[in-house]
C-alpha atoms as a PDB file:
ATOM      1  CA  MET A   1      21.324  24.931   7.309  1.00  0.00           C
ATOM      2  CA  SER A   2      22.665  22.109   5.223  1.00  0.00           C
ATOM      3  CA  TYR A   3      20.574  19.941   2.912  1.00  0.00           C
ATOM      4  CA  SER A   4      21.031  17.002   5.288  1.00  0.00           C
ATOM      5  CA  GLU A   5      19.757  19.001   8.246  1.00  0.00           C
ATOM      6  CA  ASP A   6      16.754  20.324   6.277  1.00  0.00           C
ATOM      7  CA  PHE A   7      15.948  16.803   5.054  1.00  0.00           C
ATOM      8  CA  LEU A   8      16.029  15.286   8.546  1.00  0.00           C
ATOM      9  CA  ILE A   9      13.970  18.143   9.993  1.00  0.00           C
ATOM     10  CA  ASP A  10      11.364  17.361   7.310  1.00  0.00           C
ATOM     11  CA  VAL A  11      11.490  13.653   8.257  1.00  0.00           C
ATOM     12  CA  LYS A  12      10.916  14.486  11.921  1.00  0.00           C
ATOM     13  CA  ARG A  13       8.063  16.881  11.098  1.00  0.00           C
ATOM     14  CA  SER A  14       6.508  14.213   8.857  1.00  0.00           C
ATOM     15  CA  ILE A  15       6.680  11.624  11.651  1.00  0.00           C
ATOM     16  CA  ASP A  16       5.248  14.074  14.182  1.00  0.00           C
ATOM     17  CA  ASN A  17       2.272  14.705  11.843  1.00  0.00           C
ATOM     18  CA  LEU A  18       1.364  11.016  11.414  1.00  0.00           C
ATOM     19  CA  SER A  19      -2.021  10.011  12.791  1.00  0.00           C
ATOM     20  CA  LEU A  20      -1.676   7.264  15.378  1.00  0.00           C
ATOM     21  CA  ILE A  21      -5.431   6.779  15.171  1.00  0.00           C
ATOM     22  CA  ASP A  22      -5.155   6.012  11.440  1.00  0.00           C
ATOM     23  CA  ILE A  23      -2.231   3.632  12.022  1.00  0.00           C
ATOM     24  CA  ASP A  24      -4.130   1.744  14.732  1.00  0.00           C
ATOM     25  CA  SER A  25      -7.275   1.703  12.571  1.00  0.00           C
ATOM     26  CA  MET A  26      -5.290   0.193   9.704  1.00  0.00           C
ATOM     27  CA  VAL A  27      -3.894  -2.483  12.008  1.00  0.00           C
ATOM     28  CA  ASP A  28      -7.436  -3.365  13.119  1.00  0.00           C
ATOM     29  CA  LEU A  29      -8.686  -3.453   9.517  1.00  0.00           C
ATOM     30  CA  LEU A  30      -5.804  -5.758   8.534  1.00  0.00           C
ATOM     31  CA  VAL A  31      -6.376  -8.105  11.489  1.00  0.00           C
ATOM     32  CA  THR A  32      -9.904  -8.691  10.227  1.00  0.00           C
ATOM     33  CA  SER A  33      -8.784  -8.827   6.596  1.00  0.00           C
ATOM     34  CA  CYS A  34      -6.121 -11.448   7.244  1.00  0.00           C
ATOM     35  CA  ASP A  35      -8.625 -13.563   9.194  1.00  0.00           C
ATOM     36  CA  ILE A  36     -11.368 -13.610   6.539  1.00  0.00           C
ATOM     37  CA  GLY A  37      -9.693 -12.923   3.202  1.00  0.00           C
ATOM     38  CA  ARG A  38      -6.535 -12.156   1.286  1.00  0.00           C
ATOM     39  CA  LEU A  39      -4.381  -9.047   1.133  1.00  0.00           C
ATOM     40  CA  PHE A  40      -3.310  -7.600  -2.230  1.00  0.00           C
ATOM     41  CA  ILE A  41      -0.653  -4.897  -2.006  1.00  0.00           C
ATOM     42  CA  ILE A  42      -0.136  -2.590  -4.969  1.00  0.00           C
ATOM     43  CA  GLY A  43       2.076   0.296  -5.978  1.00  0.00           C
ATOM     44  CA  SER A  44       4.157   1.545  -8.889  1.00  0.00           C
ATOM     45  CA  GLY A  45       7.854   2.376  -8.865  1.00  0.00           C
ATOM     46  CA  GLY A  46       9.005   2.538  -5.252  1.00  0.00           C
ATOM     47  CA  GLY A  47       5.514   1.486  -4.177  1.00  0.00           C
ATOM     48  CA  ALA A  48       5.831  -1.735  -6.186  1.00  0.00           C
ATOM     49  CA  GLY A  49       9.110  -2.447  -4.400  1.00  0.00           C
ATOM     50  CA  HIS A  50       7.441  -1.794  -1.043  1.00  0.00           C
ATOM     51  CA  ALA A  51       4.510  -4.021  -2.051  1.00  0.00           C
ATOM     52  CA  SER A  52       6.810  -6.943  -2.793  1.00  0.00           C
ATOM     53  CA  HIS A  53       8.728  -6.590   0.480  1.00  0.00           C
ATOM     54  CA  ALA A  54       5.552  -6.030   2.516  1.00  0.00           C
ATOM     55  CA  VAL A  55       3.963  -9.170   1.048  1.00  0.00           C
ATOM     56  CA  CYS A  56       6.960 -11.169   2.252  1.00  0.00           C
ATOM     57  CA  ASP A  57       6.583  -9.789   5.774  1.00  0.00           C
ATOM     58  CA  PHE A  58       2.788 -10.155   5.941  1.00  0.00           C
ATOM     59  CA  ARG A  59       3.129 -13.793   4.869  1.00  0.00           C
ATOM     60  CA  LYS A  60       6.155 -14.638   7.031  1.00  0.00           C
ATOM     61  CA  LEU A  61       5.458 -12.623  10.167  1.00  0.00           C
ATOM     62  CA  CYS A  62       1.651 -12.338  10.201  1.00  0.00           C
ATOM     63  CA  ASN A  63       0.652 -15.632   8.519  1.00  0.00           C
ATOM     64  CA  CYS A  64      -1.520 -13.531   6.212  1.00  0.00           C
ATOM     65  CA  GLU A  65      -2.246 -14.682   2.668  1.00  0.00           C
ATOM     66  CA  ALA A  66      -0.819 -11.755   0.723  1.00  0.00           C
ATOM     67  CA  TYR A  67       0.118 -11.012  -2.895  1.00  0.00           C
ATOM     68  CA  ALA A  68       1.813  -8.289  -4.936  1.00  0.00           C
ATOM     69  CA  PRO A  69       0.519  -8.343  -8.538  1.00  0.00           C
ATOM     70  CA  TYR A  70       3.699  -6.890 -10.010  1.00  0.00           C
ATOM     71  CA  ASP A  71       5.946  -9.643  -8.652  1.00  0.00           C
ATOM     72  CA  ASN A  72       5.321 -11.644 -11.836  1.00  0.00           C
ATOM     73  CA  VAL A  73       7.296  -9.654 -14.427  1.00  0.00           C
ATOM     74  CA  SER A  74       6.309 -11.947 -17.292  1.00  0.00           C
ATOM     75  CA  GLU A  75       2.600 -11.485 -16.632  1.00  0.00           C
ATOM     76  CA  LEU A  76       3.036  -7.733 -16.053  1.00  0.00           C
ATOM     77  CA  THR A  77       4.827  -7.174 -19.331  1.00  0.00           C
ATOM     78  CA  ALA A  78       2.430  -9.423 -21.269  1.00  0.00           C
ATOM     79  CA  ARG A  79      -0.591  -7.569 -19.882  1.00  0.00           C
ATOM     80  CA  THR A  80       1.043  -4.173 -20.522  1.00  0.00           C
ATOM     81  CA  ASN A  81       1.959  -5.156 -24.061  1.00  0.00           C
ATOM     82  CA  ASP A  82      -1.444  -6.628 -24.941  1.00  0.00           C
ATOM     83  CA  ASP A  83      -3.907  -4.587 -22.856  1.00  0.00           C
ATOM     84  CA  GLY A  84      -2.126  -1.399 -21.772  1.00  0.00           C
ATOM     85  CA  TRP A  85      -0.726  -0.225 -18.463  1.00  0.00           C
ATOM     86  CA  LYS A  86      -3.891   1.151 -16.865  1.00  0.00           C
ATOM     87  CA  ASP A  87      -5.614  -2.238 -16.549  1.00  0.00           C
ATOM     88  CA  THR A  88      -2.644  -4.374 -15.467  1.00  0.00           C
ATOM     89  CA  ILE A  89      -3.647  -4.655 -11.798  1.00  0.00           C
ATOM     90  CA  THR A  90      -7.394  -4.891 -12.403  1.00  0.00           C
ATOM     91  CA  SER A  91      -6.902  -7.746 -14.888  1.00  0.00           C
ATOM     92  CA  TRP A  92      -4.638  -9.511 -12.391  1.00  0.00           C
ATOM     93  CA  LEU A  93      -7.231  -9.099  -9.603  1.00  0.00           C
ATOM     94  CA  LYS A  94      -9.973 -10.519 -11.824  1.00  0.00           C
ATOM     95  CA  VAL A  95      -7.924 -13.655 -12.579  1.00  0.00           C
ATOM     96  CA  SER A  96      -7.230 -13.950  -8.831  1.00  0.00           C
ATOM     97  CA  LYS A  97     -10.981 -13.950  -8.117  1.00  0.00           C
ATOM     98  CA  PHE A  98     -10.615 -10.843  -5.931  1.00  0.00           C
ATOM     99  CA  ASP A  99     -13.818 -10.359  -3.934  1.00  0.00           C
ATOM    100  CA  GLY A 100     -15.468  -8.534  -1.053  1.00  0.00           C
ATOM    101  CA  TYR A 101     -13.616 -10.576   1.567  1.00  0.00           C
ATOM    102  CA  ASP A 102     -10.252  -9.366   0.265  1.00  0.00           C
ATOM    103  CA  THR A 103      -8.387  -6.143   0.987  1.00  0.00           C
ATOM    104  CA  LEU A 104      -6.434  -3.910  -1.362  1.00  0.00           C
ATOM    105  CA  MET A 105      -3.517  -1.997   0.190  1.00  0.00           C
ATOM    106  CA  VAL A 106      -2.134   0.891  -1.859  1.00  0.00           C
ATOM    107  CA  ILE A 107       1.409   2.124  -1.272  1.00  0.00           C
ATOM    108  CA  SER A 108       1.866   5.241  -3.365  1.00  0.00           C
ATOM    109  CA  VAL A 109       3.335   8.717  -3.090  1.00  0.00           C
ATOM    110  CA  GLY A 110       0.635  10.378  -5.213  1.00  0.00           C
ATOM    111  CA  GLY A 111      -2.197   7.955  -4.464  1.00  0.00           C
ATOM    112  CA  GLY A 112      -3.464   7.932  -8.035  1.00  0.00           C
ATOM    113  CA  GLN A 113      -5.273  10.675  -9.915  1.00  0.00           C
ATOM    114  CA  THR A 114      -6.851  11.079 -13.321  1.00  0.00           C
ATOM    115  CA  GLY A 115      -4.034  10.737 -15.840  1.00  0.00           C
ATOM    116  CA  VAL A 116      -1.490   9.644 -13.209  1.00  0.00           C
ATOM    117  CA  SER A 117      -1.124   6.105 -11.853  1.00  0.00           C
ATOM    118  CA  GLU A 118      -4.288   5.018 -13.626  1.00  0.00           C
ATOM    119  CA  ASN A 119      -3.309   1.399 -12.934  1.00  0.00           C
ATOM    120  CA  LEU A 120      -3.790   2.140  -9.228  1.00  0.00           C
ATOM    121  CA  VAL A 121      -6.924   4.228  -9.784  1.00  0.00           C
ATOM    122  CA  ASN A 122      -8.627   1.438 -11.748  1.00  0.00           C
ATOM    123  CA  ALA A 123      -7.661  -1.166  -9.139  1.00  0.00           C
ATOM    124  CA  ILE A 124      -9.046   0.970  -6.301  1.00  0.00           C
ATOM    125  CA  LEU A 125     -12.323   1.554  -8.122  1.00  0.00           C
ATOM    126  CA  TYR A 126     -12.554  -2.172  -8.930  1.00  0.00           C
ATOM    127  CA  ALA A 127     -11.979  -3.076  -5.270  1.00  0.00           C
ATOM    128  CA  LYS A 128     -14.755  -0.730  -4.168  1.00  0.00           C
ATOM    129  CA  GLU A 129     -17.047  -2.155  -6.865  1.00  0.00           C
ATOM    130  CA  LYS A 130     -16.403  -5.643  -5.424  1.00  0.00           C
ATOM    131  CA  GLY A 131     -17.197  -4.453  -1.881  1.00  0.00           C
ATOM    132  CA  ALA A 132     -13.638  -5.002  -0.668  1.00  0.00           C
ATOM    133  CA  LYS A 133     -11.785  -2.931   1.907  1.00  0.00           C
ATOM    134  CA  VAL A 134      -9.145  -0.505   0.672  1.00  0.00           C
ATOM    135  CA  CYS A 135      -6.362   0.930   2.804  1.00  0.00           C
ATOM    136  CA  SER A 136      -3.470   3.125   1.778  1.00  0.00           C
ATOM    137  CA  ILE A 137      -0.162   4.610   2.843  1.00  0.00           C
ATOM    138  CA  ILE A 138       0.174   7.724   0.691  1.00  0.00           C
ATOM    139  CA  GLY A 139       1.604  11.206   0.415  1.00  0.00           C
ATOM    140  CA  ARG A 140      -1.559  12.935  -0.846  1.00  0.00           C
ATOM    141  CA  LYS A 141      -4.952  12.861   0.826  1.00  0.00           C
ATOM    142  CA  ASP A 142      -6.502  14.551  -2.250  1.00  0.00           C
ATOM    143  CA  SER A 143      -5.945  11.441  -4.369  1.00  0.00           C
ATOM    144  CA  ILE A 144      -8.169   8.567  -5.431  1.00  0.00           C
ATOM    145  CA  ALA A 145      -6.589   6.367  -2.738  1.00  0.00           C
ATOM    146  CA  GLY A 146      -7.174   9.100  -0.172  1.00  0.00           C
ATOM    147  CA  GLN A 147     -10.818   9.471  -1.193  1.00  0.00           C
ATOM    148  CA  TYR A 148     -11.729   5.784  -1.502  1.00  0.00           C
ATOM    149  CA  SER A 149      -9.705   4.161   1.287  1.00  0.00           C
ATOM    150  CA  ASP A 150     -11.495   2.844   4.335  1.00  0.00           C
ATOM    151  CA  VAL A 151      -8.337   3.819   6.215  1.00  0.00           C
ATOM    152  CA  SER A 152      -5.568   6.006   4.848  1.00  0.00           C
ATOM    153  CA  ILE A 153      -2.263   6.952   6.451  1.00  0.00           C
ATOM    154  CA  VAL A 154      -1.102  10.219   4.921  1.00  0.00           C
ATOM    155  CA  ILE A 155       2.549  11.223   5.143  1.00  0.00           C
ATOM    156  CA  GLN A 156       2.976  14.989   4.813  1.00  0.00           C
ATOM    157  CA  ALA A 157       6.444  16.034   3.657  1.00  0.00           C
ATOM    158  CA  GLU A 158       7.940  19.012   1.867  1.00  0.00           C
ATOM    159  CA  ASN A 159      10.568  16.834   0.146  1.00  0.00           C
ATOM    160  CA  THR A 160       7.726  14.587  -0.882  1.00  0.00           C
ATOM    161  CA  THR A 161       8.882  11.496  -2.772  1.00  0.00           C
ATOM    162  CA  PRO A 162      12.021  10.472  -0.840  1.00  0.00           C
ATOM    163  CA  ILE A 163      10.501  11.080   2.575  1.00  0.00           C
ATOM    164  CA  VAL A 164       7.109   9.545   1.797  1.00  0.00           C
ATOM    165  CA  GLU A 165       8.740   6.435   0.302  1.00  0.00           C
ATOM    166  CA  GLY A 166      11.145   6.143   3.236  1.00  0.00           C
ATOM    167  CA  LEU A 167       8.418   6.475   5.845  1.00  0.00           C
ATOM    168  CA  GLN A 168       6.103   4.075   4.007  1.00  0.00           C
ATOM    169  CA  ALA A 169       8.601   1.335   4.815  1.00  0.00           C
ATOM    170  CA  VAL A 170       8.727   2.405   8.461  1.00  0.00           C
ATOM    171  CA  ILE A 171       4.925   2.361   8.686  1.00  0.00           C
ATOM    172  CA  TRP A 172       4.295  -1.034   7.110  1.00  0.00           C
ATOM    173  CA  HIS A 173       7.128  -2.482   9.202  1.00  0.00           C
ATOM    174  CA  LEU A 174       5.361  -1.053  12.257  1.00  0.00           C
ATOM    175  CA  ILE A 175       2.161  -2.757  11.071  1.00  0.00           C
ATOM    176  CA  VAL A 176       3.641  -6.219  10.405  1.00  0.00           C
ATOM    177  CA  THR A 177       5.371  -6.225  13.805  1.00  0.00           C
ATOM    178  CA  HIS A 178       2.332  -4.933  15.689  1.00  0.00           C
ATOM    179  CA  PRO A 179       1.329  -7.416  18.433  1.00  0.00           C
ATOM    180  CA  LYS A 180      -2.212  -7.637  17.004  1.00  0.00           C
ATOM    181  CA  LEU A 181      -0.868  -8.919  13.653  1.00  0.00           C
ATOM    182  CA  LYS A 182       2.528 -10.499  14.248  1.00  0.00           C
ATOM    183  CA  LYS A 183       2.313 -14.279  14.654  1.00  0.00           C
ATOM    184  CA  SER A 184       5.920 -15.381  14.032  1.00  0.00           C
ATOM    185  CA  ALA A 185       9.118 -14.209  15.667  1.00  0.00           C
ATOM    186  CA  THR A 186      11.684 -12.203  13.752  1.00  0.00           C
ATOM    187  CA  LYS A 187      15.203 -13.619  13.683  1.00  0.00           C
ATOM    188  CA  TRP A 188      16.915 -10.341  14.630  1.00  0.00           C
END
């Protein structure tokens, strides 16, 4: 088999292994979240890119008040420079008066672990401390996001990073266009 064939077989297997129950549960959680509070979407690397794009779609298509902390590069770099990387999101959430009515969505391949993605780990633990809901689209159930999320969609792939990141976009696009959440028409 060629690399391309192997890759696409892995994509198909990863899609076939997705839990529709978890996807529908996340939609229901986000319907409530968008009605009573705000949505904060976080990730690093590709997850930060997804967070920014997803915020646009949640705001535009779902009329949900949503934010991606890393969209403000000046604040991110100032906080990293002065306080260190691991507290960048938590500090941002504190200034935003994040509370128990809000929801934290984590988009991450690894989902955060001790020594890896500590910025995400600290934000998740802070959200739980505040009594907020946490949901995640991740590649590892045995992560902090997997353990602490109220709802977690886990993407299982052998070629982990490229397939998990690719399918994360498919999943959150499914969510923002779901009839329970979508309030505005798409142009195309």
